[in-house]
Structures are given as C-alpha cells and as structure tokens.
C-alpha cells in the first residue's frame, strides 16, 4: 500500500510543500504587520523561528515564498536595529545553527532528494 500511495503522491509532494511554505510565510508576514511593533529581543526570537523554518524547508522555496520570507526578515531587522545589531544577528544565526544540528534527524525528511 505504501508503495502505491508514494507512487501516486510523489509527483505532487514538492508542489504541495512549495505552496504550503508560501502560504505559511505569507500568513506569518500578514500577522506580523498587524502586531506592528516589536521589542529588539522579540524581533530576534521571531527572526530565529523564521530562519529555522526557511532552512528546514529551503528545498521547497519558490520565488513567491523566497520573496515573502525576505520581506519578513527585512521587517524584523528594522526592529532589531540597535547599537548591538550585528551582535544580535550573529546570536540569532548561532541559535539557528544549533537548533538545526540538534534536530537534524527529526527534519531529515525535508532534505532534498538525491537523484
């Protein structure tokens, strides 16, 4: 049964995941704009979450989701501006890298398929 289901579904998985990533990122951006103002640490926390999602599902990015995620990052970076902005951005990067390492097995299913 699994082979039959995968045989039928496999051609659709990539497109469905692309659409899902775009819809999530678009909805996320819409919700963030409604909040409007973030403190520096709040913006950094959301930035970490977005970067994590982007990197885990990166193989499913489409031009639309890539643009929306870029807009989200730009929006958050405006709220992260402070004298220690570079430090904050590096700290966010370090957190994302550590999270990706610690969850590598859990998210291995999203790795690009080798051909």
PDB file of N, CA and C in Angstrom:
ATOM      1  N   UNK A   1       0.832  -1.179   0.000  1.00  0.00           N
ATOM      2  CA  UNK A   1       0.000   0.000   0.000  1.00  0.00           C
ATOM      3  C   UNK A   1       0.887   1.258   0.000  1.00  0.00           C
ATOM      4  N   UNK A   2       1.931   1.250   0.814  1.00  0.00           N
ATOM      5  CA  UNK A   2       2.827   2.402   0.896  1.00  0.00           C
ATOM      6  C   UNK A   2       3.422   2.718  -0.466  1.00  0.00           C
ATOM      7  N   UNK A   3       3.906   1.709  -1.166  1.00  0.00           N
ATOM      8  CA  UNK A   3       4.499   1.932  -2.487  1.00  0.00           C
ATOM      9  C   UNK A   3       3.478   2.514  -3.466  1.00  0.00           C
ATOM     10  N   UNK A   4       2.242   2.026  -3.403  1.00  0.00           N
ATOM     11  CA  UNK A   4       1.197   2.556  -4.283  1.00  0.00           C
ATOM     12  C   UNK A   4       0.902   4.020  -3.970  1.00  0.00           C
ATOM     13  N   UNK A   5       0.771   4.327  -2.671  1.00  0.00           N
ATOM     14  CA  UNK A   5       0.479   5.705  -2.271  1.00  0.00           C
ATOM     15  C   UNK A   5       1.635   6.617  -2.668  1.00  0.00           C
ATOM     16  N   UNK A   6       2.861   6.211  -2.386  1.00  0.00           N
ATOM     17  CA  UNK A   6       4.020   7.039  -2.724  1.00  0.00           C
ATOM     18  C   UNK A   6       4.167   7.176  -4.241  1.00  0.00           C
ATOM     19  N   UNK A   7       3.860   6.144  -4.973  1.00  0.00           N
ATOM     20  CA  UNK A   7       3.932   6.229  -6.429  1.00  0.00           C
ATOM     21  C   UNK A   7       2.976   7.260  -6.993  1.00  0.00           C
ATOM     22  N   UNK A   8       1.820   7.347  -6.394  1.00  0.00           N
ATOM     23  CA  UNK A   8       0.811   8.303  -6.845  1.00  0.00           C
ATOM     24  C   UNK A   8       1.120   9.709  -6.316  1.00  0.00           C
ATOM     25  N   UNK A   9       1.515   9.813  -5.044  1.00  0.00           N
ATOM     26  CA  UNK A   9       1.673  11.110  -4.387  1.00  0.00           C
ATOM     27  C   UNK A   9       3.001  11.802  -4.678  1.00  0.00           C
ATOM     28  N   UNK A  10       4.043  11.032  -4.963  1.00  0.00           N
ATOM     29  CA  UNK A  10       5.382  11.612  -5.081  1.00  0.00           C
ATOM     30  C   UNK A  10       5.467  12.808  -6.036  1.00  0.00           C
ATOM     31  N   UNK A  11       4.860  12.757  -7.210  1.00  0.00           N
ATOM     32  CA  UNK A  11       4.958  13.916  -8.103  1.00  0.00           C
ATOM     33  C   UNK A  11       4.317  15.188  -7.531  1.00  0.00           C
ATOM     34  N   UNK A  12       3.422  15.047  -6.564  1.00  0.00           N
ATOM     35  CA  UNK A  12       2.706  16.189  -6.014  1.00  0.00           C
ATOM     36  C   UNK A  12       3.345  16.761  -4.758  1.00  0.00           C
ATOM     37  N   UNK A  13       4.177  15.983  -4.095  1.00  0.00           N
ATOM     38  CA  UNK A  13       4.714  16.390  -2.801  1.00  0.00           C
ATOM     39  C   UNK A  13       5.469  17.713  -2.886  1.00  0.00           C
ATOM     40  N   UNK A  14       6.355  17.858  -3.842  1.00  0.00           N
ATOM     41  CA  UNK A  14       7.169  19.067  -3.932  1.00  0.00           C
ATOM     42  C   UNK A  14       6.282  20.307  -4.143  1.00  0.00           C
ATOM     43  N   UNK A  15       5.327  20.217  -5.030  1.00  0.00           N
ATOM     44  CA  UNK A  15       4.442  21.347  -5.305  1.00  0.00           C
ATOM     45  C   UNK A  15       3.582  21.692  -4.085  1.00  0.00           C
ATOM     46  N   UNK A  16       3.088  20.678  -3.406  1.00  0.00           N
ATOM     47  CA  UNK A  16       2.275  20.899  -2.204  1.00  0.00           C
ATOM     48  C   UNK A  16       3.119  21.573  -1.123  1.00  0.00           C
ATOM     49  N   UNK A  17       4.348  21.102  -0.931  1.00  0.00           N
ATOM     50  CA  UNK A  17       5.222  21.693   0.076  1.00  0.00           C
ATOM     51  C   UNK A  17       5.592  23.133  -0.288  1.00  0.00           C
ATOM     52  N   UNK A  18       5.815  23.407  -1.566  1.00  0.00           N
ATOM     53  CA  UNK A  18       6.097  24.779  -2.003  1.00  0.00           C
ATOM     54  C   UNK A  18       4.922  25.702  -1.674  1.00  0.00           C
ATOM     55  N   UNK A  19       3.745  25.236  -2.002  1.00  0.00           N
ATOM     56  CA  UNK A  19       2.539  26.033  -1.745  1.00  0.00           C
ATOM     57  C   UNK A  19       2.340  26.232  -0.251  1.00  0.00           C
ATOM     58  N   UNK A  20       2.544  25.186   0.525  1.00  0.00           N
ATOM     59  CA  UNK A  20       2.397  25.266   1.974  1.00  0.00           C
ATOM     60  C   UNK A  20       3.397  26.264   2.569  1.00  0.00           C
ATOM     61  N   UNK A  21       4.644  26.214   2.129  1.00  0.00           N
ATOM     62  CA  UNK A  21       5.653  27.150   2.633  1.00  0.00           C
ATOM     63  C   UNK A  21       5.285  28.585   2.284  1.00  0.00           C
ATOM     64  N   UNK A  22       4.821  28.803   1.065  1.00  0.00           N
ATOM     65  CA  UNK A  22       4.430  30.156   0.681  1.00  0.00           C
ATOM     66  C   UNK A  22       3.246  30.635   1.517  1.00  0.00           C
ATOM     67  N   UNK A  23       2.247  29.775   1.723  1.00  0.00           N
ATOM     68  CA  UNK A  23       1.070  30.169   2.492  1.00  0.00           C
ATOM     69  C   UNK A  23       1.426  30.463   3.946  1.00  0.00           C
ATOM     70  N   UNK A  24       2.294  29.649   4.534  1.00  0.00           N
ATOM     71  CA  UNK A  24       2.729  29.875   5.913  1.00  0.00           C
ATOM     72  C   UNK A  24       3.487  31.196   6.016  1.00  0.00           C
ATOM     73  N   UNK A  25       4.427  31.421   5.107  1.00  0.00           N
ATOM     74  CA  UNK A  25       5.227  32.644   5.170  1.00  0.00           C
ATOM     75  C   UNK A  25       4.365  33.878   4.919  1.00  0.00           C
ATOM     76  N   UNK A  26       3.434  33.797   3.990  1.00  0.00           N
ATOM     77  CA  UNK A  26       2.560  34.929   3.705  1.00  0.00           C
ATOM     78  C   UNK A  26       1.656  35.244   4.899  1.00  0.00           C
ATOM     79  N   UNK A  27       1.103  34.216   5.504  1.00  0.00           N
ATOM     80  CA  UNK A  27       0.252  34.387   6.671  1.00  0.00           C
ATOM     81  C   UNK A  27       1.057  34.949   7.845  1.00  0.00           C
ATOM     82  N   UNK A  28       2.261  34.437   8.021  1.00  0.00           N
ATOM     83  CA  UNK A  28       3.132  34.899   9.089  1.00  0.00           C
ATOM     84  C   UNK A  28       3.439  36.391   8.914  1.00  0.00           C
ATOM     85  N   UNK A  29       3.759  36.794   7.701  1.00  0.00           N
ATOM     86  CA  UNK A  29       4.074  38.197   7.422  1.00  0.00           C
ATOM     87  C   UNK A  29       2.857  39.084   7.681  1.00  0.00           C
ATOM     88  N   UNK A  30       1.701  38.630   7.274  1.00  0.00           N
ATOM     89  CA  UNK A  30       0.470  39.378   7.500  1.00  0.00           C
ATOM     90  C   UNK A  30       0.207  39.573   8.998  1.00  0.00           C
ATOM     91  N   UNK A  31       0.393  38.518   9.767  1.00  0.00           N
ATOM     92  CA  UNK A  31       0.179  38.602  11.215  1.00  0.00           C
ATOM     93  C   UNK A  31       1.195  39.530  11.875  1.00  0.00           C
ATOM     94  N   UNK A  32       2.434  39.477  11.429  1.00  0.00           N
ATOM     95  CA  UNK A  32       3.470  40.348  11.999  1.00  0.00           C
ATOM     96  C   UNK A  32       3.164  41.814  11.739  1.00  0.00           C
ATOM     97  N   UNK A  33       2.697  42.118  10.551  1.00  0.00           N
ATOM     98  CA  UNK A  33       2.370  43.523  10.243  1.00  0.00           C
ATOM     99  C   UNK A  33       1.223  44.014  11.115  1.00  0.00           C
ATOM    100  N   UNK A  34       0.322  43.124  11.506  1.00  0.00           N
ATOM    101  CA  UNK A  34      -0.775  43.521  12.397  1.00  0.00           C
ATOM    102  C   UNK A  34      -0.268  43.841  13.794  1.00  0.00           C
ATOM    103  N   UNK A  35       0.753  43.104  14.238  1.00  0.00           N
ATOM    104  CA  UNK A  35       1.354  43.394  15.536  1.00  0.00           C
ATOM    105  C   UNK A  35       2.008  44.762  15.471  1.00  0.00           C
ATOM    106  N   UNK A  36       2.708  44.996  14.400  1.00  0.00           N
ATOM    107  CA  UNK A  36       3.274  46.318  14.160  1.00  0.00           C
ATOM    108  C   UNK A  36       4.615  46.575  14.797  1.00  0.00           C
ATOM    109  N   UNK A  37       4.701  46.575  16.117  1.00  0.00           N
ATOM    110  CA  UNK A  37       5.934  46.972  16.781  1.00  0.00           C
ATOM    111  C   UNK A  37       6.450  45.845  17.661  1.00  0.00           C
ATOM    112  N   UNK A  38       7.732  45.554  17.541  1.00  0.00           N
ATOM    113  CA  UNK A  38       8.384  44.514  18.322  1.00  0.00           C
ATOM    114  C   UNK A  38       9.526  45.128  19.117  1.00  0.00           C
ATOM    115  N   UNK A  39       9.773  44.602  20.304  1.00  0.00           N
ATOM    116  CA  UNK A  39      10.992  44.983  21.008  1.00  0.00           C
ATOM    117  C   UNK A  39      12.140  44.224  20.326  1.00  0.00           C
ATOM    118  N   UNK A  40      13.357  44.612  20.622  1.00  0.00           N
ATOM    119  CA  UNK A  40      14.525  44.014  19.967  1.00  0.00           C
ATOM    120  C   UNK A  40      14.586  42.517  20.200  1.00  0.00           C
ATOM    121  N   UNK A  41      14.407  42.067  21.433  1.00  0.00           N
ATOM    122  CA  UNK A  41      14.519  40.634  21.715  1.00  0.00           C
ATOM    123  C   UNK A  41      13.349  39.846  21.136  1.00  0.00           C
ATOM    124  N   UNK A  42      12.166  40.452  21.101  1.00  0.00           N
ATOM    125  CA  UNK A  42      11.016  39.791  20.476  1.00  0.00           C
ATOM    126  C   UNK A  42      11.234  39.599  18.994  1.00  0.00           C
ATOM    127  N   UNK A  43      11.759  40.642  18.331  1.00  0.00           N
ATOM    128  CA  UNK A  43      12.055  40.544  16.900  1.00  0.00           C
ATOM    129  C   UNK A  43      13.109  39.475  16.648  1.00  0.00           C
ATOM    130  N   UNK A  44      14.114  39.401  17.537  1.00  0.00           N
ATOM    131  CA  UNK A  44      15.158  38.394  17.360  1.00  0.00           C
ATOM    132  C   UNK A  44      14.584  36.986  17.493  1.00  0.00           C
ATOM    133  N   UNK A  45      13.696  36.784  18.444  1.00  0.00           N
ATOM    134  CA  UNK A  45      13.112  35.456  18.625  1.00  0.00           C
ATOM    135  C   UNK A  45      12.309  35.032  17.386  1.00  0.00           C
ATOM    136  N   UNK A  46      11.507  35.938  16.853  1.00  0.00           N
ATOM    137  CA  UNK A  46      10.728  35.631  15.653  1.00  0.00           C
ATOM    138  C   UNK A  46      11.672  35.389  14.473  1.00  0.00           C
ATOM    139  N   UNK A  47      12.740  36.177  14.386  1.00  0.00           N
ATOM    140  CA  UNK A  47      13.741  36.028  13.324  1.00  0.00           C
ATOM    141  C   UNK A  47      14.347  34.620  13.362  1.00  0.00           C
ATOM    142  N   UNK A  48      14.659  34.148  14.568  1.00  0.00           N
ATOM    143  CA  UNK A  48      15.218  32.796  14.720  1.00  0.00           C
ATOM    144  C   UNK A  48      14.228  31.756  14.200  1.00  0.00           C
ATOM    145  N   UNK A  49      12.965  31.905  14.555  1.00  0.00           N
ATOM    146  CA  UNK A  49      11.945  30.951  14.106  1.00  0.00           C
ATOM    147  C   UNK A  49      11.823  30.938  12.580  1.00  0.00           C
ATOM    148  N   UNK A  50      11.801  32.123  11.991  1.00  0.00           N
ATOM    149  CA  UNK A  50      11.669  32.225  10.534  1.00  0.00           C
ATOM    150  C   UNK A  50      12.882  31.611   9.837  1.00  0.00           C
ATOM    151  N   UNK A  51      14.064  31.901  10.346  1.00  0.00           N
ATOM    152  CA  UNK A  51      15.277  31.337   9.739  1.00  0.00           C
ATOM    153  C   UNK A  51      15.282  29.819   9.846  1.00  0.00           C
ATOM    154  N   UNK A  52      14.825  29.301  10.982  1.00  0.00           N
ATOM    155  CA  UNK A  52      14.759  27.857  11.170  1.00  0.00           C
ATOM    156  C   UNK A  52      13.818  27.237  10.131  1.00  0.00           C
ATOM    157  N   UNK A  53      12.631  27.810   9.999  1.00  0.00           N
ATOM    158  CA  UNK A  53      11.662  27.307   9.019  1.00  0.00           C
ATOM    159  C   UNK A  53      12.244  27.385   7.609  1.00  0.00           C
ATOM    160  N   UNK A  54      12.861  28.514   7.290  1.00  0.00           N
ATOM    161  CA  UNK A  54      13.425  28.714   5.953  1.00  0.00           C
ATOM    162  C   UNK A  54      14.507  27.679   5.646  1.00  0.00           C
ATOM    163  N   UNK A  55      15.331  27.386   6.620  1.00  0.00           N
ATOM    164  CA  UNK A  55      16.424  26.441   6.370  1.00  0.00           C
ATOM    165  C   UNK A  55      15.952  24.996   6.328  1.00  0.00           C
ATOM    166  N   UNK A  56      14.991  24.651   7.178  1.00  0.00           N
ATOM    167  CA  UNK A  56      14.477  23.282   7.170  1.00  0.00           C
ATOM    168  C   UNK A  56      13.723  23.000   5.872  1.00  0.00           C
ATOM    169  N   UNK A  57      12.926  23.958   5.432  1.00  0.00           N
ATOM    170  CA  UNK A  57      12.104  23.760   4.240  1.00  0.00           C
ATOM    171  C   UNK A  57      12.695  24.435   3.002  1.00  0.00           C
ATOM    172  N   UNK A  58      13.957  24.801   3.066  1.00  0.00           N
ATOM    173  CA  UNK A  58      14.611  25.537   1.979  1.00  0.00           C
ATOM    174  C   UNK A  58      14.536  24.870   0.621  1.00  0.00           C
ATOM    175  N   UNK A  59      14.522  23.565   0.591  1.00  0.00           N
ATOM    176  CA  UNK A  59      14.464  22.882  -0.703  1.00  0.00           C
ATOM    177  C   UNK A  59      13.093  23.040  -1.369  1.00  0.00           C
ATOM    178  N   UNK A  60      12.124  23.585  -0.622  1.00  0.00           N
ATOM    179  CA  UNK A  60      10.788  23.799  -1.173  1.00  0.00           C
ATOM    180  C   UNK A  60      10.494  25.267  -1.443  1.00  0.00           C
ATOM    181  N   UNK A  61      11.498  26.126  -1.327  1.00  0.00           N
ATOM    182  CA  UNK A  61      11.272  27.546  -1.594  1.00  0.00           C
ATOM    183  C   UNK A  61      10.898  27.764  -3.045  1.00  0.00           C
ATOM    184  N   UNK A  62       9.961  28.654  -3.246  1.00  0.00           N
ATOM    185  CA  UNK A  62       9.572  29.099  -4.585  1.00  0.00           C
ATOM    186  C   UNK A  62       9.937  30.579  -4.656  1.00  0.00           C
ATOM    187  N   UNK A  63       9.908  31.177  -5.818  1.00  0.00           N
ATOM    188  CA  UNK A  63      10.170  32.620  -5.886  1.00  0.00           C
ATOM    189  C   UNK A  63       9.230  33.422  -4.983  1.00  0.00           C
ATOM    190  N   UNK A  64       7.969  33.022  -4.910  1.00  0.00           N
ATOM    191  CA  UNK A  64       6.992  33.745  -4.069  1.00  0.00           C
ATOM    192  C   UNK A  64       7.330  33.621  -2.587  1.00  0.00           C
ATOM    193  N   UNK A  65       7.625  32.406  -2.125  1.00  0.00           N
ATOM    194  CA  UNK A  65       7.943  32.242  -0.701  1.00  0.00           C
ATOM    195  C   UNK A  65       9.284  32.872  -0.365  1.00  0.00           C
ATOM    196  N   UNK A  66      10.234  32.803  -1.275  1.00  0.00           N
ATOM    197  CA  UNK A  66      11.545  33.429  -1.056  1.00  0.00           C
ATOM    198  C   UNK A  66      11.387  34.936  -0.855  1.00  0.00           C
ATOM    199  N   UNK A  67      10.558  35.561  -1.697  1.00  0.00           N
ATOM    200  CA  UNK A  67      10.325  36.995  -1.590  1.00  0.00           C
ATOM    201  C   UNK A  67       9.607  37.348  -0.277  1.00  0.00           C
ATOM    202  N   UNK A  68       8.609  36.562   0.073  1.00  0.00           N
ATOM    203  CA  UNK A  68       7.865  36.824   1.311  1.00  0.00           C
ATOM    204  C   UNK A  68       8.762  36.647   2.527  1.00  0.00           C
ATOM    205  N   UNK A  69       9.571  35.585   2.543  1.00  0.00           N
ATOM    206  CA  UNK A  69      10.476  35.377   3.670  1.00  0.00           C
ATOM    207  C   UNK A  69      11.519  36.491   3.756  1.00  0.00           C
ATOM    208  N   UNK A  70      11.962  36.986   2.627  1.00  0.00           N
ATOM    209  CA  UNK A  70      12.897  38.122   2.619  1.00  0.00           C
ATOM    210  C   UNK A  70      12.214  39.351   3.219  1.00  0.00           C
ATOM    211  N   UNK A  71      10.960  39.581   2.852  1.00  0.00           N
ATOM    212  CA  UNK A  71      10.209  40.709   3.413  1.00  0.00           C
ATOM    213  C   UNK A  71      10.047  40.569   4.932  1.00  0.00           C
ATOM    214  N   UNK A  72       9.789  39.348   5.392  1.00  0.00           N
ATOM    215  CA  UNK A  72       9.664  39.094   6.824  1.00  0.00           C
ATOM    216  C   UNK A  72      10.973  39.424   7.525  1.00  0.00           C
ATOM    217  N   UNK A  73      12.087  38.932   6.987  1.00  0.00           N
ATOM    218  CA  UNK A  73      13.394  39.200   7.599  1.00  0.00           C
ATOM    219  C   UNK A  73      13.695  40.697   7.620  1.00  0.00           C
ATOM    220  N   UNK A  74      13.406  41.396   6.518  1.00  0.00           N
ATOM    221  CA  UNK A  74      13.642  42.844   6.468  1.00  0.00           C
ATOM    222  C   UNK A  74      12.794  43.571   7.508  1.00  0.00           C
ATOM    223  N   UNK A  75      11.530  43.166   7.628  1.00  0.00           N
ATOM    224  CA  UNK A  75      10.631  43.760   8.622  1.00  0.00           C
ATOM    225  C   UNK A  75      11.204  43.583  10.028  1.00  0.00           C
ATOM    226  N   UNK A  76      11.650  42.367  10.334  1.00  0.00           N
ATOM    227  CA  UNK A  76      12.187  42.093  11.669  1.00  0.00           C
ATOM    228  C   UNK A  76      13.514  42.802  11.902  1.00  0.00           C
ATOM    229  N   UNK A  77      14.340  42.865  10.877  1.00  0.00           N
ATOM    230  CA  UNK A  77      15.638  43.515  11.036  1.00  0.00           C
ATOM    231  C   UNK A  77      15.474  45.002  11.376  1.00  0.00           C
ATOM    232  N   UNK A  78      14.441  45.623  10.867  1.00  0.00           N
ATOM    233  CA  UNK A  78      14.189  47.030  11.234  1.00  0.00           C
ATOM    234  C   UNK A  78      13.938  47.172  12.734  1.00  0.00           C
ATOM    235  N   UNK A  79      13.320  46.158  13.340  1.00  0.00           N
ATOM    236  CA  UNK A  79      13.043  46.189  14.775  1.00  0.00           C
ATOM    237  C   UNK A  79      14.239  45.727  15.601  1.00  0.00           C
ATOM    238  N   UNK A  80      15.190  45.075  14.953  1.00  0.00           N
ATOM    239  CA  UNK A  80      16.374  44.604  15.658  1.00  0.00           C
ATOM    240  C   UNK A  80      17.489  45.656  15.648  1.00  0.00           C
ATOM    241  N   UNK A  81      17.271  46.760  14.962  1.00  0.00           N
ATOM    242  CA  UNK A  81      18.295  47.801  14.891  1.00  0.00           C
ATOM    243  C   UNK A  81      18.560  48.348  16.290  1.00  0.00           C
ATOM    244  N   UNK A  82      19.780  48.288  16.674  1.00  0.00           N
ATOM    245  CA  UNK A  82      20.227  48.817  17.959  1.00  0.00           C
ATOM    246  C   UNK A  82      21.743  48.911  17.864  1.00  0.00           C
ATOM    247  N   UNK A  83      22.368  49.506  18.869  1.00  0.00           N
ATOM    248  CA  UNK A  83      23.830  49.575  18.817  1.00  0.00           C
ATOM    249  C   UNK A  83      24.486  48.193  18.692  1.00  0.00           C
ATOM    250  N   UNK A  84      23.801  47.161  19.178  1.00  0.00           N
ATOM    251  CA  UNK A  84      24.383  45.813  19.125  1.00  0.00           C
ATOM    252  C   UNK A  84      23.730  44.956  18.038  1.00  0.00           C
ATOM    253  N   UNK A  85      23.244  45.578  16.951  1.00  0.00           N
ATOM    254  CA  UNK A  85      22.533  44.860  15.888  1.00  0.00           C
ATOM    255  C   UNK A  85      23.354  43.697  15.331  1.00  0.00           C
ATOM    256  N   UNK A  86      24.615  43.952  14.984  1.00  0.00           N
ATOM    257  CA  UNK A  86      25.457  42.888  14.430  1.00  0.00           C
ATOM    258  C   UNK A  86      25.590  41.722  15.388  1.00  0.00           C
ATOM    259  N   UNK A  87      25.704  42.052  16.669  1.00  0.00           N
ATOM    260  CA  UNK A  87      25.804  41.030  17.700  1.00  0.00           C
ATOM    261  C   UNK A  87      24.506  40.218  17.781  1.00  0.00           C
ATOM    262  N   UNK A  88      23.373  40.901  17.733  1.00  0.00           N
ATOM    263  CA  UNK A  88      22.075  40.219  17.780  1.00  0.00           C
ATOM    264  C   UNK A  88      21.888  39.294  16.591  1.00  0.00           C
ATOM    265  N   UNK A  89      22.236  39.790  15.402  1.00  0.00           N
ATOM    266  CA  UNK A  89      22.063  38.975  14.202  1.00  0.00           C
ATOM    267  C   UNK A  89      22.959  37.738  14.268  1.00  0.00           C
ATOM    268  N   UNK A  90      24.184  37.893  14.774  1.00  0.00           N
ATOM    269  CA  UNK A  90      25.084  36.751  14.913  1.00  0.00           C
ATOM    270  C   UNK A  90      24.560  35.766  15.946  1.00  0.00           C
ATOM    271  N   UNK A  91      24.002  36.294  17.032  1.00  0.00           N
ATOM    272  CA  UNK A  91      23.429  35.434  18.065  1.00  0.00           C
ATOM    273  C   UNK A  91      22.252  34.640  17.486  1.00  0.00           C
ATOM    274  N   UNK A  92      21.411  35.298  16.697  1.00  0.00           N
ATOM    275  CA  UNK A  92      20.285  34.611  16.051  1.00  0.00           C
ATOM    276  C   UNK A  92      20.794  33.516  15.128  1.00  0.00           C
ATOM    277  N   UNK A  93      21.837  33.824  14.364  1.00  0.00           N
ATOM    278  CA  UNK A  93      22.437  32.836  13.454  1.00  0.00           C
ATOM    279  C   UNK A  93      22.957  31.630  14.236  1.00  0.00           C
ATOM    280  N   UNK A  94      23.641  31.886  15.354  1.00  0.00           N
ATOM    281  CA  UNK A  94      24.172  30.799  16.179  1.00  0.00           C
ATOM    282  C   UNK A  94      23.056  29.916  16.728  1.00  0.00           C
ATOM    283  N   UNK A  95      21.963  30.536  17.152  1.00  0.00           N
ATOM    284  CA  UNK A  95      20.831  29.775  17.686  1.00  0.00           C
ATOM    285  C   UNK A  95      20.237  28.880  16.601  1.00  0.00           C
ATOM    286  N   UNK A  96      20.073  29.416  15.394  1.00  0.00           N
ATOM    287  CA  UNK A  96      19.505  28.632  14.291  1.00  0.00           C
ATOM    288  C   UNK A  96      20.415  27.448  13.968  1.00  0.00           C
ATOM    289  N   UNK A  97      21.713  27.680  13.891  1.00  0.00           N
ATOM    290  CA  UNK A  97      22.663  26.603  13.571  1.00  0.00           C
ATOM    291  C   UNK A  97      22.600  25.506  14.634  1.00  0.00           C
ATOM    292  N   UNK A  98      22.579  25.894  15.905  1.00  0.00           N
ATOM    293  CA  UNK A  98      22.489  24.898  16.987  1.00  0.00           C
ATOM    294  C   UNK A  98      21.174  24.129  16.918  1.00  0.00           C
ATOM    295  N   UNK A  99      20.079  24.829  16.659  1.00  0.00           N
ATOM    296  CA  UNK A  99      18.778  24.161  16.565  1.00  0.00           C
ATOM    297  C   UNK A  99      18.752  23.180  15.405  1.00  0.00           C
ATOM    298  N   UNK A 100      19.335  23.568  14.277  1.00  0.00           N
ATOM    299  CA  UNK A 100      19.364  22.671  13.124  1.00  0.00           C
ATOM    300  C   UNK A 100      20.197  21.433  13.416  1.00  0.00           C
ATOM    301  N   UNK A 101      21.310  21.592  14.112  1.00  0.00           N
ATOM    302  CA  UNK A 101      22.145  20.441  14.470  1.00  0.00           C
ATOM    303  C   UNK A 101      21.413  19.501  15.415  1.00  0.00           C
ATOM    304  N   UNK A 102      20.715  20.075  16.390  1.00  0.00           N
ATOM    305  CA  UNK A 102      20.051  19.230  17.382  1.00  0.00           C
ATOM    306  C   UNK A 102      18.787  18.558  16.848  1.00  0.00           C
ATOM    307  N   UNK A 103      18.243  19.055  15.758  1.00  0.00           N
ATOM    308  CA  UNK A 103      17.014  18.468  15.202  1.00  0.00           C
ATOM    309  C   UNK A 103      17.248  17.837  13.827  1.00  0.00           C
ATOM    310  N   UNK A 104      18.494  17.594  13.486  1.00  0.00           N
ATOM    311  CA  UNK A 104      18.844  17.076  12.164  1.00  0.00           C
ATOM    312  C   UNK A 104      18.071  15.803  11.813  1.00  0.00           C
ATOM    313  N   UNK A 105      18.002  14.873  12.738  1.00  0.00           N
ATOM    314  CA  UNK A 105      17.315  13.606  12.470  1.00  0.00           C
ATOM    315  C   UNK A 105      15.818  13.840  12.283  1.00  0.00           C
ATOM    316  N   UNK A 106      15.243  14.691  13.145  1.00  0.00           N
ATOM    317  CA  UNK A 106      13.797  14.943  13.090  1.00  0.00           C
ATOM    318  C   UNK A 106      13.376  15.544  11.749  1.00  0.00           C
ATOM    319  N   UNK A 107      14.221  16.401  11.171  1.00  0.00           N
ATOM    320  CA  UNK A 107      13.852  17.083   9.945  1.00  0.00           C
ATOM    321  C   UNK A 107      14.559  16.538   8.708  1.00  0.00           C
ATOM    322  N   UNK A 108      15.169  15.373   8.808  1.00  0.00           N
ATOM    323  CA  UNK A 108      15.883  14.786   7.687  1.00  0.00           C
ATOM    324  C   UNK A 108      14.939  14.501   6.515  1.00  0.00           C
ATOM    325  N   UNK A 109      13.671  14.311   6.783  1.00  0.00           N
ATOM    326  CA  UNK A 109      12.721  14.021   5.721  1.00  0.00           C
ATOM    327  C   UNK A 109      12.560  15.196   4.749  1.00  0.00           C
ATOM    328  N   UNK A 110      12.964  16.398   5.164  1.00  0.00           N
ATOM    329  CA  UNK A 110      12.831  17.563   4.299  1.00  0.00           C
ATOM    330  C   UNK A 110      14.086  17.833   3.466  1.00  0.00           C
ATOM    331  N   UNK A 111      15.092  17.007   3.645  1.00  0.00           N
ATOM    332  CA  UNK A 111      16.325  17.191   2.879  1.00  0.00           C
ATOM    333  C   UNK A 111      16.029  16.958   1.407  1.00  0.00           C
ATOM    334  N   UNK A 112      16.719  17.691   0.532  1.00  0.00           N
ATOM    335  CA  UNK A 112      16.496  17.476  -0.902  1.00  0.00           C
ATOM    336  C   UNK A 112      16.798  16.030  -1.280  1.00  0.00           C
ATOM    337  N   UNK A 113      15.977  15.490  -2.115  1.00  0.00           N
ATOM    338  CA  UNK A 113      16.176  14.103  -2.557  1.00  0.00           C
ATOM    339  C   UNK A 113      17.378  14.029  -3.480  1.00  0.00           C
ATOM    340  N   UNK A 114      18.235  13.055  -3.231  1.00  0.00           N
ATOM    341  CA  UNK A 114      19.379  12.863  -4.121  1.00  0.00           C
ATOM    342  C   UNK A 114      18.938  12.045  -5.302  1.00  0.00           C
ATOM    343  N   UNK A 115      19.428  12.419  -6.459  1.00  0.00           N
ATOM    344  CA  UNK A 115      18.960  11.752  -7.683  1.00  0.00           C
ATOM    345  C   UNK A 115      20.030  10.941  -8.306  1.00  0.00           C
TER     346      UNK A 115
END
